[in-house]
Structures are given as C-alpha cells and as structure tokens.
Amino acid sequence: MKRRLALWGIAGFVVAISWVSLSIAIPLWSEPILWRLAQISCPIVFFSHFAIKWYWVVLSNVPVYLIIGLAVEGLLQLKNWRTASA
C-alpha cells in the first residue's frame, strides 16, 4: 500500500508540474475549460485570487493526492475485505 500511495503522490506532482508548465506557455485563466480542469485537478488553484507561487501549487498538490489515494485505497481494501468475508 505504501508504494501505491507513493504513486498517488507522484501523480499529484506530475499533474501540478503539467499545469504549471502549461500556464507558463499560455494564460490558463483566459481559457475557461482549461482553467476549470486546473481547478479540479489542483485544489489550491481555487485560492488563486491570492498570489500563489508555482512551487506552492506543486508542493500542495502532492499531499492532496496522497489523501485522495489514502481514501481510495482504504475503500478498495474495505471492498476486498467484505467480498472475502462473504
């Protein structure tokens, strides 16, 4: 489970780096669809009316994805436990 949680953290890092590099190329707030996708996949972007540096977006996205991964892995283990005991 630790490896899967590490993969969730790496996924959060990759997603944040991708959005940061894309936002350097084009302004995301001028593209409503891209901006909404960035808000969904990087929760700190919801607080974008504050000045947030790009490295805080990356650093905050890793623990968010770890928490999401922990919840998903816990639900999967609960599902497997219930099917095994039935």
Protein backbone atom coordinates (compact mmCIF):
# COMPACT_ATOMS: atom_id res chain seq x y z
CA MET A 1 0.00 0.00 0.00
CA LYS A 2 2.92 2.34 0.64
CA ARG A 3 4.04 2.01 -2.97
CA ARG A 4 0.58 2.78 -4.26
CA LEU A 5 0.38 5.85 -2.03
CA ALA A 6 3.77 6.92 -3.35
CA LEU A 7 2.37 6.56 -6.86
CA TRP A 8 -0.57 8.76 -5.90
CA GLY A 9 1.88 11.40 -4.64
CA ILE A 10 3.92 11.16 -7.83
CA ALA A 11 0.72 11.53 -9.85
CA GLY A 12 -0.11 14.71 -7.93
CA PHE A 13 3.37 16.04 -8.63
CA VAL A 14 3.13 15.25 -12.35
CA VAL A 15 -0.32 16.84 -12.64
CA ALA A 16 0.84 20.01 -10.90
CA ILE A 17 4.04 20.27 -12.95
CA SER A 18 2.00 19.80 -16.13
CA TRP A 19 -0.40 22.59 -15.23
CA VAL A 20 2.43 24.91 -14.19
CA SER A 21 4.32 24.34 -17.44
CA LEU A 22 1.13 24.82 -19.47
CA SER A 23 0.31 28.01 -17.61
CA ILE A 24 3.75 29.36 -18.45
CA ALA A 25 3.06 28.72 -22.14
CA ILE A 26 -0.49 30.14 -22.21
CA PRO A 27 -2.54 32.03 -19.60
CA LEU A 28 -4.98 29.44 -18.28
CA TRP A 29 -7.48 31.96 -16.91
CA SER A 30 -8.19 33.15 -20.45
CA GLU A 31 -9.26 29.60 -21.41
CA PRO A 32 -12.33 28.69 -19.30
CA ILE A 33 -12.24 24.94 -19.97
CA LEU A 34 -8.54 24.61 -19.13
CA TRP A 35 -8.96 26.84 -16.07
CA ARG A 36 -11.81 24.66 -14.76
CA LEU A 37 -9.76 21.48 -15.31
CA ALA A 38 -6.84 23.05 -13.45
CA GLN A 39 -9.13 23.95 -10.57
CA ILE A 40 -10.47 20.41 -10.36
CA SER A 41 -7.08 18.69 -10.52
CA CYS A 42 -5.13 21.23 -8.38
CA PRO A 43 -7.32 22.30 -5.43
CA ILE A 44 -5.03 25.17 -4.37
CA VAL A 45 -5.95 26.95 -7.61
CA PHE A 46 -9.35 27.66 -6.03
CA PHE A 47 -7.49 30.22 -3.91
CA SER A 48 -5.98 31.87 -6.97
CA HIS A 49 -7.19 35.32 -6.03
CA PHE A 50 -4.21 35.30 -3.67
CA ALA A 51 -0.69 35.48 -5.06
CA ILE A 52 0.44 31.85 -5.13
CA LYS A 53 3.88 30.91 -6.37
CA TRP A 54 4.15 27.97 -8.73
CA TYR A 55 6.16 25.86 -6.31
CA TRP A 56 3.38 26.09 -3.70
CA VAL A 57 0.97 24.68 -6.26
CA VAL A 58 3.28 21.71 -6.81
CA LEU A 59 4.06 21.20 -3.12
CA SER A 60 0.43 21.39 -2.05
CA ASN A 61 -0.84 19.07 -4.77
CA VAL A 62 1.27 16.12 -3.58
CA PRO A 63 -0.35 15.82 -0.11
CA VAL A 64 -3.82 16.36 -1.59
CA TYR A 65 -3.30 13.44 -3.95
CA LEU A 66 -1.86 11.38 -1.07
CA ILE A 67 -5.04 11.98 0.93
CA ILE A 68 -7.19 11.09 -2.07
CA GLY A 69 -5.10 7.96 -2.62
CA LEU A 70 -5.40 7.00 1.03
CA ALA A 71 -9.17 7.28 0.83
CA VAL A 72 -9.37 5.30 -2.41
CA GLU A 73 -7.02 2.58 -1.17
CA GLY A 74 -8.95 2.33 2.10
CA LEU A 75 -12.22 1.92 0.22
CA LEU A 76 -10.67 -0.73 -2.04
CA GLN A 77 -9.38 -2.65 0.96
CA LEU A 78 -12.77 -2.42 2.64
CA LYS A 79 -14.43 -3.73 -0.53
CA ASN A 80 -11.93 -6.62 -0.76
CA TRP A 81 -12.38 -7.40 2.92
CA ARG A 82 -16.16 -7.54 2.56
CA THR A 83 -16.05 -9.76 -0.51
CA ALA A 84 -13.53 -12.10 1.16
CA SER A 85 -15.63 -12.46 4.31
CA ALA A 86 -18.86 -13.14 2.40
